[in-house]
Amino acid sequence: MTAVYIDADACPVKSEAERVATRHRVQMFVVSNGGLRPSQNPLIENVIVAEGPDEADMWIANRCGPGDVVVTGDIPLAAKCIEAGARVLRHNGAAFTKANIGQQLAMRDLMADLRAANPLGAGGGGRGFTKADRSRFLDALERELRAAKKDIP
């Protein structure tokens, strides 16, 4: 059965994902360390995991598989989910795939090394989340959910 998994800490598209999941009548798991307002939607399950690094990631990675869609900005989690057979989207609608996840992991490691080598900590954050990002996400989630339903063995 198709499900949507949301890596919910710092996820700007929870309500958009809920709308799409509801339209498709699929279960959605909103996974976090707590502090989120639960949805009253019966298709939405808030999952509170233990405090600690990567607890939400492990919960999602251990449950997702073919036919599921995962929404995360966490590249190592995306790699685990792809390996499990799930489809994975960033919050801006960009897809993590078997074809690009290796490059994404390498770029993440390179950027971590560059940040560590900068003793002054100079450099800015990423760009802000825009309406266009939100719109791309909605379109991408719609496409991925339709495709995920076909992935079920």
C-alpha atoms as a PDB file:
ATOM      1  CA  MET A   1       0.000   0.000   0.000  1.00  0.00           C
ATOM      2  CA  THR A   2       1.353   3.421  -0.933  1.00  0.00           C
ATOM      3  CA  ALA A   3       2.300   5.811   1.876  1.00  0.00           C
ATOM      4  CA  VAL A   4       3.935   9.214   2.142  1.00  0.00           C
ATOM      5  CA  TYR A   5       6.662   9.707   4.760  1.00  0.00           C
ATOM      6  CA  ILE A   6       7.549  13.242   5.811  1.00  0.00           C
ATOM      7  CA  ASP A   7      10.863  13.964   7.536  1.00  0.00           C
ATOM      8  CA  ALA A   8       9.004  16.694   9.386  1.00  0.00           C
ATOM      9  CA  ASP A   9      11.614  18.612  11.371  1.00  0.00           C
ATOM     10  CA  ALA A  10      12.063  21.867   9.434  1.00  0.00           C
ATOM     11  CA  CYS A  11       9.790  20.694   6.592  1.00  0.00           C
ATOM     12  CA  PRO A  12       8.054  23.679   4.961  1.00  0.00           C
ATOM     13  CA  VAL A  13       5.567  21.622   2.899  1.00  0.00           C
ATOM     14  CA  LYS A  14       3.687  19.479   5.438  1.00  0.00           C
ATOM     15  CA  SER A  15       0.289  21.022   4.689  1.00  0.00           C
ATOM     16  CA  GLU A  16       0.814  20.735   0.920  1.00  0.00           C
ATOM     17  CA  ALA A  17       1.800  17.084   1.274  1.00  0.00           C
ATOM     18  CA  GLU A  18      -1.281  16.465   3.413  1.00  0.00           C
ATOM     19  CA  ARG A  19      -3.545  17.909   0.695  1.00  0.00           C
ATOM     20  CA  VAL A  20      -2.024  15.682  -1.988  1.00  0.00           C
ATOM     21  CA  ALA A  21      -2.049  12.567   0.224  1.00  0.00           C
ATOM     22  CA  THR A  22      -5.685  13.191   1.123  1.00  0.00           C
ATOM     23  CA  ARG A  23      -6.653  13.628  -2.529  1.00  0.00           C
ATOM     24  CA  HIS A  24      -5.005  10.274  -3.299  1.00  0.00           C
ATOM     25  CA  ARG A  25      -6.403   8.694  -0.117  1.00  0.00           C
ATOM     26  CA  VAL A  26      -2.998   7.446   1.042  1.00  0.00           C
ATOM     27  CA  GLN A  27      -1.597   7.231   4.557  1.00  0.00           C
ATOM     28  CA  MET A  28       0.916   9.938   5.463  1.00  0.00           C
ATOM     29  CA  PHE A  29       3.387   9.632   8.325  1.00  0.00           C
ATOM     30  CA  VAL A  30       4.700  12.912   9.748  1.00  0.00           C
ATOM     31  CA  VAL A  31       7.858  11.881  11.621  1.00  0.00           C
ATOM     32  CA  SER A  32       9.613  14.202  14.082  1.00  0.00           C
ATOM     33  CA  ASN A  33      11.158  14.531  17.528  1.00  0.00           C
ATOM     34  CA  GLY A  34       8.015  16.354  18.681  1.00  0.00           C
ATOM     35  CA  GLY A  35       6.739  19.884  18.877  1.00  0.00           C
ATOM     36  CA  LEU A  36       4.447  19.683  15.840  1.00  0.00           C
ATOM     37  CA  ARG A  37       0.725  20.329  15.875  1.00  0.00           C
ATOM     38  CA  PRO A  38      -1.014  17.043  15.011  1.00  0.00           C
ATOM     39  CA  SER A  39      -3.433  16.921  12.099  1.00  0.00           C
ATOM     40  CA  GLN A  40      -7.034  15.895  12.663  1.00  0.00           C
ATOM     41  CA  ASN A  41      -7.042  14.165   9.288  1.00  0.00           C
ATOM     42  CA  PRO A  42      -7.533  10.395   9.807  1.00  0.00           C
ATOM     43  CA  LEU A  43      -5.057   9.646   6.977  1.00  0.00           C
ATOM     44  CA  ILE A  44      -2.283  11.534   8.747  1.00  0.00           C
ATOM     45  CA  GLU A  45      -0.329   9.868  11.544  1.00  0.00           C
ATOM     46  CA  ASN A  46       2.055  11.951  13.632  1.00  0.00           C
ATOM     47  CA  VAL A  47       4.984   9.821  14.738  1.00  0.00           C
ATOM     48  CA  ILE A  48       7.082  11.143  17.609  1.00  0.00           C
ATOM     49  CA  VAL A  49      10.466   9.432  17.833  1.00  0.00           C
ATOM     50  CA  ALA A  50      12.976   9.510  20.665  1.00  0.00           C
ATOM     51  CA  GLU A  51      15.301  12.479  20.994  1.00  0.00           C
ATOM     52  CA  GLY A  52      18.623  11.915  19.351  1.00  0.00           C
ATOM     53  CA  PRO A  53      20.395  12.249  16.059  1.00  0.00           C
ATOM     54  CA  ASP A  54      18.820  10.455  13.120  1.00  0.00           C
ATOM     55  CA  GLU A  55      15.969   8.820  15.080  1.00  0.00           C
ATOM     56  CA  ALA A  56      13.353  10.134  12.633  1.00  0.00           C
ATOM     57  CA  ASP A  57      15.569   9.135   9.707  1.00  0.00           C
ATOM     58  CA  MET A  58      15.951   5.579  11.000  1.00  0.00           C
ATOM     59  CA  TRP A  59      12.194   5.270  11.579  1.00  0.00           C
ATOM     60  CA  ILE A  60      11.459   6.297   7.991  1.00  0.00           C
ATOM     61  CA  ALA A  61      14.281   4.271   6.404  1.00  0.00           C
ATOM     62  CA  ASN A  62      13.193   1.108   8.244  1.00  0.00           C
ATOM     63  CA  ARG A  63       9.606   1.343   6.962  1.00  0.00           C
ATOM     64  CA  CYS A  64       9.593   2.812   3.455  1.00  0.00           C
ATOM     65  CA  GLY A  65       9.836   0.750   0.314  1.00  0.00           C
ATOM     66  CA  PRO A  66       8.481   0.272  -3.197  1.00  0.00           C
ATOM     67  CA  GLY A  67       5.264   2.202  -3.687  1.00  0.00           C
ATOM     68  CA  ASP A  68       6.134   4.859  -1.097  1.00  0.00           C
ATOM     69  CA  VAL A  69       7.170   8.498  -1.401  1.00  0.00           C
ATOM     70  CA  VAL A  70       9.541  10.112   1.112  1.00  0.00           C
ATOM     71  CA  VAL A  71       9.890  13.887   1.507  1.00  0.00           C
ATOM     72  CA  THR A  72      13.224  14.965   2.996  1.00  0.00           C
ATOM     73  CA  GLY A  73      16.126  17.314   2.567  1.00  0.00           C
ATOM     74  CA  ASP A  74      18.460  14.826   4.262  1.00  0.00           C
ATOM     75  CA  ILE A  75      20.714  13.304   1.607  1.00  0.00           C
ATOM     76  CA  PRO A  76      21.888  10.219   3.578  1.00  0.00           C
ATOM     77  CA  LEU A  77      18.240   9.431   4.428  1.00  0.00           C
ATOM     78  CA  ALA A  78      17.324   9.877   0.764  1.00  0.00           C
ATOM     79  CA  ALA A  79      20.030   7.362  -0.198  1.00  0.00           C
ATOM     80  CA  LYS A  80      18.679   4.778   2.267  1.00  0.00           C
ATOM     81  CA  CYS A  81      15.118   5.264   1.034  1.00  0.00           C
ATOM     82  CA  ILE A  82      16.123   4.951  -2.619  1.00  0.00           C
ATOM     83  CA  GLU A  83      17.986   1.752  -1.739  1.00  0.00           C
ATOM     84  CA  ALA A  84      14.772   0.476  -0.115  1.00  0.00           C
ATOM     85  CA  GLY A  85      12.865   1.168  -3.344  1.00  0.00           C
ATOM     86  CA  ALA A  86      10.994   4.343  -2.350  1.00  0.00           C
ATOM     87  CA  ARG A  87      10.697   7.512  -4.400  1.00  0.00           C
ATOM     88  CA  VAL A  88      12.245  10.561  -2.706  1.00  0.00           C
ATOM     89  CA  LEU A  89      11.603  14.295  -3.085  1.00  0.00           C
ATOM     90  CA  ARG A  90      13.222  17.394  -1.662  1.00  0.00           C
ATOM     91  CA  HIS A  91      10.944  20.080  -0.233  1.00  0.00           C
ATOM     92  CA  ASN A  92      11.329  22.106  -3.429  1.00  0.00           C
ATOM     93  CA  GLY A  93      10.147  19.227  -5.634  1.00  0.00           C
ATOM     94  CA  ALA A  94      13.565  18.096  -6.869  1.00  0.00           C
ATOM     95  CA  ALA A  95      13.782  14.306  -6.982  1.00  0.00           C
ATOM     96  CA  PHE A  96      16.536  12.194  -5.504  1.00  0.00           C
ATOM     97  CA  THR A  97      17.032   9.210  -7.820  1.00  0.00           C
ATOM     98  CA  LYS A  98      19.345   6.243  -8.285  1.00  0.00           C
ATOM     99  CA  ALA A  99      21.006   8.258 -11.053  1.00  0.00           C
ATOM    100  CA  ASN A 100      21.784  11.343  -8.942  1.00  0.00           C
ATOM    101  CA  ILE A 101      22.092  10.215  -5.320  1.00  0.00           C
ATOM    102  CA  GLY A 102      25.803   9.340  -5.576  1.00  0.00           C
ATOM    103  CA  GLN A 103      26.624  12.812  -6.862  1.00  0.00           C
ATOM    104  CA  GLN A 104      24.402  14.373  -4.175  1.00  0.00           C
ATOM    105  CA  LEU A 105      26.248  12.455  -1.432  1.00  0.00           C
ATOM    106  CA  ALA A 106      29.644  13.417  -2.853  1.00  0.00           C
ATOM    107  CA  MET A 107      28.661  17.102  -3.068  1.00  0.00           C
ATOM    108  CA  ARG A 108      27.363  17.004   0.501  1.00  0.00           C
ATOM    109  CA  ASP A 109      30.681  15.574   1.720  1.00  0.00           C
ATOM    110  CA  LEU A 110      32.670  18.111  -0.284  1.00  0.00           C
ATOM    111  CA  MET A 111      30.675  21.011   1.126  1.00  0.00           C
ATOM    112  CA  ALA A 112      31.108  19.667   4.676  1.00  0.00           C
ATOM    113  CA  ASP A 113      34.875  19.522   4.103  1.00  0.00           C
ATOM    114  CA  LEU A 114      34.914  23.066   2.734  1.00  0.00           C
ATOM    115  CA  ARG A 115      32.931  24.372   5.709  1.00  0.00           C
ATOM    116  CA  ALA A 116      35.285  22.581   8.110  1.00  0.00           C
ATOM    117  CA  ALA A 117      38.322  24.081   6.368  1.00  0.00           C
ATOM    118  CA  ASN A 118      36.992  27.636   6.732  1.00  0.00           C
ATOM    119  CA  PRO A 119      38.250  28.758  10.169  1.00  0.00           C
ATOM    120  CA  LEU A 120      36.267  32.006  10.101  1.00  0.00           C
ATOM    121  CA  GLY A 121      32.982  30.341   9.283  1.00  0.00           C
ATOM    122  CA  ALA A 122      32.335  32.802   6.471  1.00  0.00           C
ATOM    123  CA  GLY A 123      29.692  32.026   3.911  1.00  0.00           C
ATOM    124  CA  GLY A 124      25.988  32.454   3.722  1.00  0.00           C
ATOM    125  CA  GLY A 125      23.100  30.102   4.085  1.00  0.00           C
ATOM    126  CA  GLY A 126      21.044  28.839   1.189  1.00  0.00           C
ATOM    127  CA  ARG A 127      18.405  30.829  -0.592  1.00  0.00           C
ATOM    128  CA  GLY A 128      14.942  31.207   0.906  1.00  0.00           C
ATOM    129  CA  PHE A 129      12.001  28.907   0.201  1.00  0.00           C
ATOM    130  CA  THR A 130       9.760  30.497  -2.439  1.00  0.00           C
ATOM    131  CA  LYS A 131       6.217  30.163  -3.778  1.00  0.00           C
ATOM    132  CA  ALA A 132       7.737  28.675  -6.923  1.00  0.00           C
ATOM    133  CA  ASP A 133       9.451  25.984  -4.786  1.00  0.00           C
ATOM    134  CA  ARG A 134       6.110  25.202  -3.124  1.00  0.00           C
ATOM    135  CA  SER A 135       4.395  24.952  -6.499  1.00  0.00           C
ATOM    136  CA  ARG A 136       7.136  22.685  -7.907  1.00  0.00           C
ATOM    137  CA  PHE A 137       6.815  20.484  -4.838  1.00  0.00           C
ATOM    138  CA  LEU A 138       3.046  20.086  -5.262  1.00  0.00           C
ATOM    139  CA  ASP A 139       3.451  19.153  -8.925  1.00  0.00           C
ATOM    140  CA  ALA A 140       6.315  16.746  -8.201  1.00  0.00           C
ATOM    141  CA  LEU A 141       4.494  15.026  -5.314  1.00  0.00           C
ATOM    142  CA  GLU A 142       1.433  14.535  -7.497  1.00  0.00           C
ATOM    143  CA  ARG A 143       3.575  12.901 -10.227  1.00  0.00           C
ATOM    144  CA  GLU A 144       5.576  10.770  -7.781  1.00  0.00           C
ATOM    145  CA  LEU A 145       2.476   9.489  -5.975  1.00  0.00           C
ATOM    146  CA  ARG A 146       0.929   8.404  -9.257  1.00  0.00           C
ATOM    147  CA  ALA A 147       4.152   6.667 -10.267  1.00  0.00           C
ATOM    148  CA  ALA A 148       4.648   5.121  -6.806  1.00  0.00           C
ATOM    149  CA  LYS A 149       1.288   3.378  -6.986  1.00  0.00           C
ATOM    150  CA  LYS A 150       2.600   1.558 -10.065  1.00  0.00           C
ATOM    151  CA  ASP A 151       5.773   0.522  -8.178  1.00  0.00           C
ATOM    152  CA  ILE A 152       3.925  -1.761  -5.769  1.00  0.00           C
ATOM    153  CA  PRO A 153       4.959  -5.369  -6.443  1.00  0.00           C
END
